[in-house]
C-alpha atoms as a PDB file:
ATOM      1  CA  MET A   1      25.525   4.045 -28.291  1.00  0.00           C
ATOM      2  CA  LYS A   2      25.414   1.862 -25.850  1.00  0.00           C
ATOM      3  CA  ASP A   3      21.217   2.717 -25.710  1.00  0.00           C
ATOM      4  CA  TYR A   4      20.458   2.394 -29.117  1.00  0.00           C
ATOM      5  CA  GLU A   5      22.514  -1.153 -28.985  1.00  0.00           C
ATOM      6  CA  GLU A   6      20.243  -2.184 -26.153  1.00  0.00           C
ATOM      7  CA  PHE A   7      17.099  -1.157 -27.722  1.00  0.00           C
ATOM      8  CA  LYS A   8      17.955  -3.146 -31.413  1.00  0.00           C
ATOM      9  CA  GLU A   9      17.622  -6.175 -28.856  1.00  0.00           C
ATOM     10  CA  ILE A  10      13.867  -5.645 -28.421  1.00  0.00           C
ATOM     11  CA  ILE A  11      12.252  -8.711 -29.508  1.00  0.00           C
ATOM     12  CA  ASN A  12       8.563  -7.521 -29.965  1.00  0.00           C
ATOM     13  CA  MET A  13       6.745  -4.204 -29.524  1.00  0.00           C
ATOM     14  CA  ASP A  14       3.149  -3.629 -29.096  1.00  0.00           C
ATOM     15  CA  VAL A  15       1.646  -0.229 -29.391  1.00  0.00           C
ATOM     16  CA  ARG A  16      -1.868   0.451 -28.770  1.00  0.00           C
ATOM     17  CA  THR A  17      -3.464   3.888 -28.499  1.00  0.00           C
ATOM     18  CA  PHE A  18      -7.364   4.523 -27.368  1.00  0.00           C
ATOM     19  CA  PHE A  19      -9.773   7.527 -27.193  1.00  0.00           C
ATOM     20  CA  PRO A  20     -11.807   6.341 -23.894  1.00  0.00           C
ATOM     21  CA  GLY A  21     -13.486  10.055 -23.551  1.00  0.00           C
ATOM     22  CA  GLU A  22     -13.602  13.270 -25.372  1.00  0.00           C
ATOM     23  CA  ASP A  23     -10.843  14.605 -23.170  1.00  0.00           C
ATOM     24  CA  LYS A  24      -8.366  11.901 -22.968  1.00  0.00           C
ATOM     25  CA  ILE A  25      -5.926   9.590 -25.102  1.00  0.00           C
ATOM     26  CA  LEU A  26      -4.707   6.597 -23.866  1.00  0.00           C
ATOM     27  CA  GLN A  27      -1.491   4.782 -25.085  1.00  0.00           C
ATOM     28  CA  ILE A  28      -0.336   1.366 -24.198  1.00  0.00           C
ATOM     29  CA  VAL A  29       3.040   0.461 -25.210  1.00  0.00           C
ATOM     30  CA  GLU A  30       4.314  -3.045 -24.561  1.00  0.00           C
ATOM     31  CA  ALA A  31       7.564  -4.409 -25.129  1.00  0.00           C
ATOM     32  CA  VAL A  32       9.558  -7.894 -24.514  1.00  0.00           C
ATOM     33  CA  TYR A  33      13.214  -7.621 -23.694  1.00  0.00           C
ATOM     34  CA  ARG A  34      15.560 -10.276 -23.137  1.00  0.00           C
ATOM     35  CA  GLU A  35      12.819 -12.168 -21.694  1.00  0.00           C
ATOM     36  CA  LYS A  36      11.358  -9.221 -19.776  1.00  0.00           C
ATOM     37  CA  ARG A  37       7.596  -7.715 -20.671  1.00  0.00           C
ATOM     38  CA  GLU A  38       7.384  -4.089 -19.665  1.00  0.00           C
ATOM     39  CA  ILE A  39       4.523  -1.839 -20.294  1.00  0.00           C
ATOM     40  CA  LEU A  40       4.185   1.453 -20.112  1.00  0.00           C
ATOM     41  CA  ILE A  41       0.881   3.586 -20.000  1.00  0.00           C
ATOM     42  CA  ARG A  42       0.659   6.908 -20.815  1.00  0.00           C
ATOM     43  CA  GLU A  43      -2.189   9.359 -21.035  1.00  0.00           C
ATOM     44  CA  VAL A  44      -3.089  12.769 -22.699  1.00  0.00           C
ATOM     45  CA  TYR A  45      -5.922  14.785 -20.818  1.00  0.00           C
ATOM     46  CA  ASN A  46      -7.539  17.722 -21.429  1.00  0.00           C
ATOM     47  CA  THR A  47      -7.367  17.977 -24.876  1.00  0.00           C
ATOM     48  CA  ARG A  48      -9.427  20.582 -27.057  1.00  0.00           C
ATOM     49  CA  GLU A  49      -9.943  20.219 -30.823  1.00  0.00           C
ATOM     50  CA  LYS A  50      -7.137  22.428 -31.553  1.00  0.00           C
ATOM     51  CA  GLN A  51      -4.711  20.666 -29.117  1.00  0.00           C
ATOM     52  CA  PHE A  52      -6.167  16.573 -30.275  1.00  0.00           C
ATOM     53  CA  ARG A  53      -3.424  16.625 -33.531  1.00  0.00           C
ATOM     54  CA  ASP A  54      -0.509  17.983 -31.404  1.00  0.00           C
ATOM     55  CA  ALA A  55      -1.418  15.118 -28.615  1.00  0.00           C
ATOM     56  CA  LEU A  56      -1.581  12.483 -31.000  1.00  0.00           C
ATOM     57  CA  VAL A  57       1.752  13.620 -32.251  1.00  0.00           C
ATOM     58  CA  SER A  58       3.907  13.493 -29.415  1.00  0.00           C
ATOM     59  CA  LEU A  59       2.063  10.042 -28.741  1.00  0.00           C
ATOM     60  CA  GLY A  60       3.887   8.822 -32.022  1.00  0.00           C
ATOM     61  CA  TRP A  61       1.331   9.490 -34.635  1.00  0.00           C
ATOM     62  CA  THR A  62       2.171  10.225 -37.916  1.00  0.00           C
ATOM     63  CA  PRO A  63      -0.447  12.662 -39.477  1.00  0.00           C
ATOM     64  CA  PRO A  64      -1.270  12.400 -43.416  1.00  0.00           C
ATOM     65  CA  PRO A  65      -0.233  14.682 -45.483  1.00  0.00           C
ATOM     66  CA  LEU A  66      -1.762  17.850 -45.590  1.00  0.00           C
ATOM     67  CA  PHE A  67      -2.081  17.840 -49.308  1.00  0.00           C
ATOM     68  CA  PRO A  68      -1.366  14.160 -50.730  1.00  0.00           C
ATOM     69  CA  LYS A  69       0.113  13.770 -53.969  1.00  0.00           C
ATOM     70  CA  GLU A  70      -2.636  12.824 -56.826  1.00  0.00           C
ATOM     71  CA  LYS A  71      -2.085   9.480 -57.862  1.00  0.00           C
ATOM     72  CA  LYS A  72      -0.630   9.537 -61.590  1.00  0.00           C
ATOM     73  CA  ASP A  73      -2.163   6.929 -64.403  1.00  0.00           C
END
């Protein structure tokens, strides 16, 4: 529970995802916590088309539904 309480104190968090090449995904997570700035850089290499969606999900992406609900008028 202590970790959760500390996590709530994060003042600002920014997540940026880049696709610098066909076989690489780069994600930069920047957080400000108790006036300290932390930067985490995560990279996923050698992704194939089949693995691309799974790699994005592992980096925090929420995929759209496969069958979106139709809008009712």
